[in-house]
Amino acid sequence: MVGVGGVIIDNGRALLIRRGSEPLRGEWSIPGGTLELGESLKEGVARELHEETGLEVRVLELIEVFDRIFPGESLQPSEQNHPPRFHFVIVDYLCERIGGEPRAGSDVTDVAFATEEELAKFHLTETATRVLKKAFAMALARGAPR
């Protein structure tokens, strides 16, 4: 499946969401979801961010593309090979907030803003942390306040 995500850096803080469904239910993450058939990557990012956070965004530039594979569970302890539960190819973009007020929507239970220094307290995955740090650097290079 193709997943899309968007990092909004607003006044030196990134918008994070707490996931309401699998994968990573209950964990803090970058807002995003699954690309719909016939939708461009940028259209998917804008739609997902609006659905999950209530914000309208301008999609600016690509941050990173990566795989996220979640192993499946075996019904028999002796089984070694079983198909993955989820396999996403995720495309994350830097986005600019152009409207709306942040709120938890669709499959999100909470939203929060965090500075780069505050990221550790959200216990993000290693990959999400890496993507967010790249996004902070990209936003700074574009002239955003620190």
C-alpha atoms as a PDB file:
ATOM      1  CA  MET A   1       0.000   0.000   0.000  1.00  0.00           C
ATOM      2  CA  VAL A   2       1.134   3.557  -0.645  1.00  0.00           C
ATOM      3  CA  GLY A   3       1.031   5.797   2.408  1.00  0.00           C
ATOM      4  CA  VAL A   4       1.425   9.548   2.420  1.00  0.00           C
ATOM      5  CA  GLY A   5       2.321  11.855   5.272  1.00  0.00           C
ATOM      6  CA  GLY A   6       2.750  15.532   5.797  1.00  0.00           C
ATOM      7  CA  VAL A   7       4.932  17.429   8.234  1.00  0.00           C
ATOM      8  CA  ILE A   8       3.619  20.881   9.082  1.00  0.00           C
ATOM      9  CA  ILE A   9       6.182  23.143  10.721  1.00  0.00           C
ATOM     10  CA  ASP A  10       4.283  26.138  12.142  1.00  0.00           C
ATOM     11  CA  ASN A  11       6.115  28.771  14.235  1.00  0.00           C
ATOM     12  CA  GLY A  12       9.000  26.372  14.898  1.00  0.00           C
ATOM     13  CA  ARG A  13       6.764  23.480  15.968  1.00  0.00           C
ATOM     14  CA  ALA A  14       5.718  20.298  14.148  1.00  0.00           C
ATOM     15  CA  LEU A  15       2.150  19.045  14.278  1.00  0.00           C
ATOM     16  CA  LEU A  16       1.914  15.472  15.611  1.00  0.00           C
ATOM     17  CA  ILE A  17      -1.097  13.158  15.829  1.00  0.00           C
ATOM     18  CA  ARG A  18      -1.937  10.254  18.115  1.00  0.00           C
ATOM     19  CA  ARG A  19      -3.114   7.317  15.987  1.00  0.00           C
ATOM     20  CA  GLY A  20      -6.587   5.936  16.676  1.00  0.00           C
ATOM     21  CA  SER A  21      -6.207   2.795  14.559  1.00  0.00           C
ATOM     22  CA  GLU A  22      -3.587   0.263  13.505  1.00  0.00           C
ATOM     23  CA  PRO A  23      -0.821   0.325  12.679  1.00  0.00           C
ATOM     24  CA  LEU A  24       0.658   2.110  15.720  1.00  0.00           C
ATOM     25  CA  ARG A  25      -2.678   2.671  17.515  1.00  0.00           C
ATOM     26  CA  GLY A  26      -2.186   5.015  20.473  1.00  0.00           C
ATOM     27  CA  GLU A  27       1.263   6.162  19.328  1.00  0.00           C
ATOM     28  CA  TRP A  28       2.285   9.691  18.327  1.00  0.00           C
ATOM     29  CA  SER A  29       3.172  10.040  14.663  1.00  0.00           C
ATOM     30  CA  ILE A  30       3.248  12.192  11.557  1.00  0.00           C
ATOM     31  CA  PRO A  31      -0.248  12.809  10.132  1.00  0.00           C
ATOM     32  CA  GLY A  32      -1.077  10.823   7.018  1.00  0.00           C
ATOM     33  CA  GLY A  33      -2.754   7.766   5.613  1.00  0.00           C
ATOM     34  CA  THR A  34      -3.309   5.658   2.543  1.00  0.00           C
ATOM     35  CA  LEU A  35      -3.355   7.058  -0.974  1.00  0.00           C
ATOM     36  CA  GLU A  36      -6.685   6.595  -2.763  1.00  0.00           C
ATOM     37  CA  LEU A  37      -6.984   5.173  -6.279  1.00  0.00           C
ATOM     38  CA  GLY A  38      -6.486   7.893  -8.912  1.00  0.00           C
ATOM     39  CA  GLU A  39      -5.195  10.440  -6.403  1.00  0.00           C
ATOM     40  CA  SER A  40      -1.824  12.139  -6.851  1.00  0.00           C
ATOM     41  CA  LEU A  41       0.654  11.997  -3.973  1.00  0.00           C
ATOM     42  CA  LYS A  42       0.225  15.700  -3.205  1.00  0.00           C
ATOM     43  CA  GLU A  43      -3.581  15.458  -3.379  1.00  0.00           C
ATOM     44  CA  GLY A  44      -3.452  12.519  -0.978  1.00  0.00           C
ATOM     45  CA  VAL A  45      -1.250  14.398   1.491  1.00  0.00           C
ATOM     46  CA  ALA A  46      -3.559  17.433   1.482  1.00  0.00           C
ATOM     47  CA  ARG A  47      -6.679  15.252   1.894  1.00  0.00           C
ATOM     48  CA  GLU A  48      -5.220  13.125   4.690  1.00  0.00           C
ATOM     49  CA  LEU A  49      -3.974  16.147   6.640  1.00  0.00           C
ATOM     50  CA  HIS A  50      -7.373  17.826   6.340  1.00  0.00           C
ATOM     51  CA  GLU A  51      -9.190  14.654   7.441  1.00  0.00           C
ATOM     52  CA  GLU A  52      -6.861  13.975  10.377  1.00  0.00           C
ATOM     53  CA  THR A  53      -6.079  17.497  11.601  1.00  0.00           C
ATOM     54  CA  GLY A  54      -8.684  19.876  10.131  1.00  0.00           C
ATOM     55  CA  LEU A  55      -5.936  21.904   8.471  1.00  0.00           C
ATOM     56  CA  GLU A  56      -5.666  23.024   4.883  1.00  0.00           C
ATOM     57  CA  VAL A  57      -2.098  22.738   3.626  1.00  0.00           C
ATOM     58  CA  ARG A  58       0.099  23.547   0.677  1.00  0.00           C
ATOM     59  CA  VAL A  59       2.363  20.603  -0.090  1.00  0.00           C
ATOM     60  CA  LEU A  60       5.871  22.010  -0.538  1.00  0.00           C
ATOM     61  CA  GLU A  61       8.551  19.375  -1.096  1.00  0.00           C
ATOM     62  CA  LEU A  62       9.462  15.738  -0.626  1.00  0.00           C
ATOM     63  CA  ILE A  63      11.180  14.841   2.652  1.00  0.00           C
ATOM     64  CA  GLU A  64      11.706  11.085   2.306  1.00  0.00           C
ATOM     65  CA  VAL A  65      10.363   7.807   0.878  1.00  0.00           C
ATOM     66  CA  PHE A  66      10.695   4.599   2.924  1.00  0.00           C
ATOM     67  CA  ASP A  67       9.236   1.135   3.575  1.00  0.00           C
ATOM     68  CA  ARG A  68       7.361   0.239   6.740  1.00  0.00           C
ATOM     69  CA  ILE A  69       6.748  -3.510   7.065  1.00  0.00           C
ATOM     70  CA  PHE A  70       4.852  -4.870  10.064  1.00  0.00           C
ATOM     71  CA  PRO A  71       5.319  -8.617  10.588  1.00  0.00           C
ATOM     72  CA  GLY A  72       2.268 -10.851  10.658  1.00  0.00           C
ATOM     73  CA  GLU A  73       1.385 -13.128  13.511  1.00  0.00           C
ATOM     74  CA  SER A  74       1.537 -16.879  13.242  1.00  0.00           C
ATOM     75  CA  LEU A  75      -1.303 -19.045  14.471  1.00  0.00           C
ATOM     76  CA  GLN A  76       1.134 -21.893  15.175  1.00  0.00           C
ATOM     77  CA  PRO A  77       4.276 -21.331  17.284  1.00  0.00           C
ATOM     78  CA  SER A  78       6.215 -23.636  14.953  1.00  0.00           C
ATOM     79  CA  GLU A  79       5.451 -21.540  11.845  1.00  0.00           C
ATOM     80  CA  GLN A  80       8.425 -19.431  10.811  1.00  0.00           C
ATOM     81  CA  ASN A  81       7.221 -17.869   7.560  1.00  0.00           C
ATOM     82  CA  HIS A  82       4.022 -15.895   7.535  1.00  0.00           C
ATOM     83  CA  PRO A  83       3.016 -12.896   5.428  1.00  0.00           C
ATOM     84  CA  PRO A  84       3.471  -9.347   6.739  1.00  0.00           C
ATOM     85  CA  ARG A  85       0.476  -7.803   8.471  1.00  0.00           C
ATOM     86  CA  PHE A  86       1.081  -4.426   6.783  1.00  0.00           C
ATOM     87  CA  HIS A  87       3.533  -3.251   4.109  1.00  0.00           C
ATOM     88  CA  PHE A  88       3.506   0.439   3.314  1.00  0.00           C
ATOM     89  CA  VAL A  89       5.684   2.493   1.010  1.00  0.00           C
ATOM     90  CA  ILE A  90       5.444   5.887   2.703  1.00  0.00           C
ATOM     91  CA  VAL A  91       6.052   9.213   1.000  1.00  0.00           C
ATOM     92  CA  ASP A  92       6.412  12.135   3.429  1.00  0.00           C
ATOM     93  CA  TYR A  93       6.228  15.787   2.390  1.00  0.00           C
ATOM     94  CA  LEU A  94       6.946  19.110   4.038  1.00  0.00           C
ATOM     95  CA  CYS A  95       3.723  21.135   4.156  1.00  0.00           C
ATOM     96  CA  GLU A  96       2.679  24.683   4.914  1.00  0.00           C
ATOM     97  CA  ARG A  97      -0.453  25.443   6.924  1.00  0.00           C
ATOM     98  CA  ILE A  98      -2.747  27.740   4.921  1.00  0.00           C
ATOM     99  CA  GLY A  99      -5.998  27.460   6.870  1.00  0.00           C
ATOM    100  CA  GLY A 100      -8.049  25.780   9.545  1.00  0.00           C
ATOM    101  CA  GLU A 101      -7.602  25.102  13.239  1.00  0.00           C
ATOM    102  CA  PRO A 102      -5.887  21.924  14.452  1.00  0.00           C
ATOM    103  CA  ARG A 103      -8.231  19.244  15.778  1.00  0.00           C
ATOM    104  CA  ALA A 104      -8.300  15.456  16.026  1.00  0.00           C
ATOM    105  CA  GLY A 105     -10.331  14.024  13.152  1.00  0.00           C
ATOM    106  CA  SER A 106     -10.994  10.704  11.355  1.00  0.00           C
ATOM    107  CA  ASP A 107      -8.773   8.026  12.967  1.00  0.00           C
ATOM    108  CA  VAL A 108      -6.843  10.459  15.221  1.00  0.00           C
ATOM    109  CA  THR A 109      -7.423  10.762  18.979  1.00  0.00           C
ATOM    110  CA  ASP A 110      -5.266  13.817  19.735  1.00  0.00           C
ATOM    111  CA  VAL A 111      -3.047  16.470  18.134  1.00  0.00           C
ATOM    112  CA  ALA A 112      -0.086  18.347  19.579  1.00  0.00           C
ATOM    113  CA  PHE A 113       2.608  20.744  18.462  1.00  0.00           C
ATOM    114  CA  ALA A 114       6.232  19.999  19.384  1.00  0.00           C
ATOM    115  CA  THR A 115       9.504  21.793  18.900  1.00  0.00           C
ATOM    116  CA  GLU A 116      12.464  19.772  17.674  1.00  0.00           C
ATOM    117  CA  GLU A 117      13.782  19.647  21.247  1.00  0.00           C
ATOM    118  CA  GLU A 118      10.444  18.227  22.520  1.00  0.00           C
ATOM    119  CA  LEU A 119      10.219  15.305  20.076  1.00  0.00           C
ATOM    120  CA  ALA A 120      11.722  12.739  22.481  1.00  0.00           C
ATOM    121  CA  LYS A 121       8.866  13.083  24.972  1.00  0.00           C
ATOM    122  CA  PHE A 122       6.410  11.839  22.316  1.00  0.00           C
ATOM    123  CA  HIS A 123       8.217   8.468  21.958  1.00  0.00           C
ATOM    124  CA  LEU A 124       8.059   8.544  18.158  1.00  0.00           C
ATOM    125  CA  THR A 125       9.469   5.773  16.016  1.00  0.00           C
ATOM    126  CA  GLU A 126      13.068   6.158  14.910  1.00  0.00           C
ATOM    127  CA  THR A 127      11.895   6.749  11.342  1.00  0.00           C
ATOM    128  CA  ALA A 128       9.334   9.413  12.305  1.00  0.00           C
ATOM    129  CA  THR A 129      11.965  11.203  14.385  1.00  0.00           C
ATOM    130  CA  ARG A 130      14.418  11.145  11.456  1.00  0.00           C
ATOM    131  CA  VAL A 131      11.774  12.498   9.039  1.00  0.00           C
ATOM    132  CA  LEU A 132      10.756  15.246  11.481  1.00  0.00           C
ATOM    133  CA  LYS A 133      14.366  16.326  12.019  1.00  0.00           C
ATOM    134  CA  LYS A 134      14.830  16.541   8.236  1.00  0.00           C
ATOM    135  CA  ALA A 135      11.617  18.586   8.009  1.00  0.00           C
ATOM    136  CA  PHE A 136      12.822  21.035  10.672  1.00  0.00           C
ATOM    137  CA  ALA A 137      16.084  21.512   8.730  1.00  0.00           C
ATOM    138  CA  MET A 138      14.198  21.968   5.447  1.00  0.00           C
ATOM    139  CA  ALA A 139      11.815  24.511   7.007  1.00  0.00           C
ATOM    140  CA  LEU A 140      14.762  26.423   8.460  1.00  0.00           C
ATOM    141  CA  ALA A 141      16.469  26.449   5.031  1.00  0.00           C
ATOM    142  CA  ARG A 142      13.237  27.909   3.601  1.00  0.00           C
ATOM    143  CA  GLY A 143      13.429  30.763   6.119  1.00  0.00           C
ATOM    144  CA  ALA A 144      10.973  29.496   8.732  1.00  0.00           C
ATOM    145  CA  PRO A 145      11.547  30.691  12.317  1.00  0.00           C
ATOM    146  CA  ARG A 146      13.368  28.286  14.645  1.00  0.00           C
END
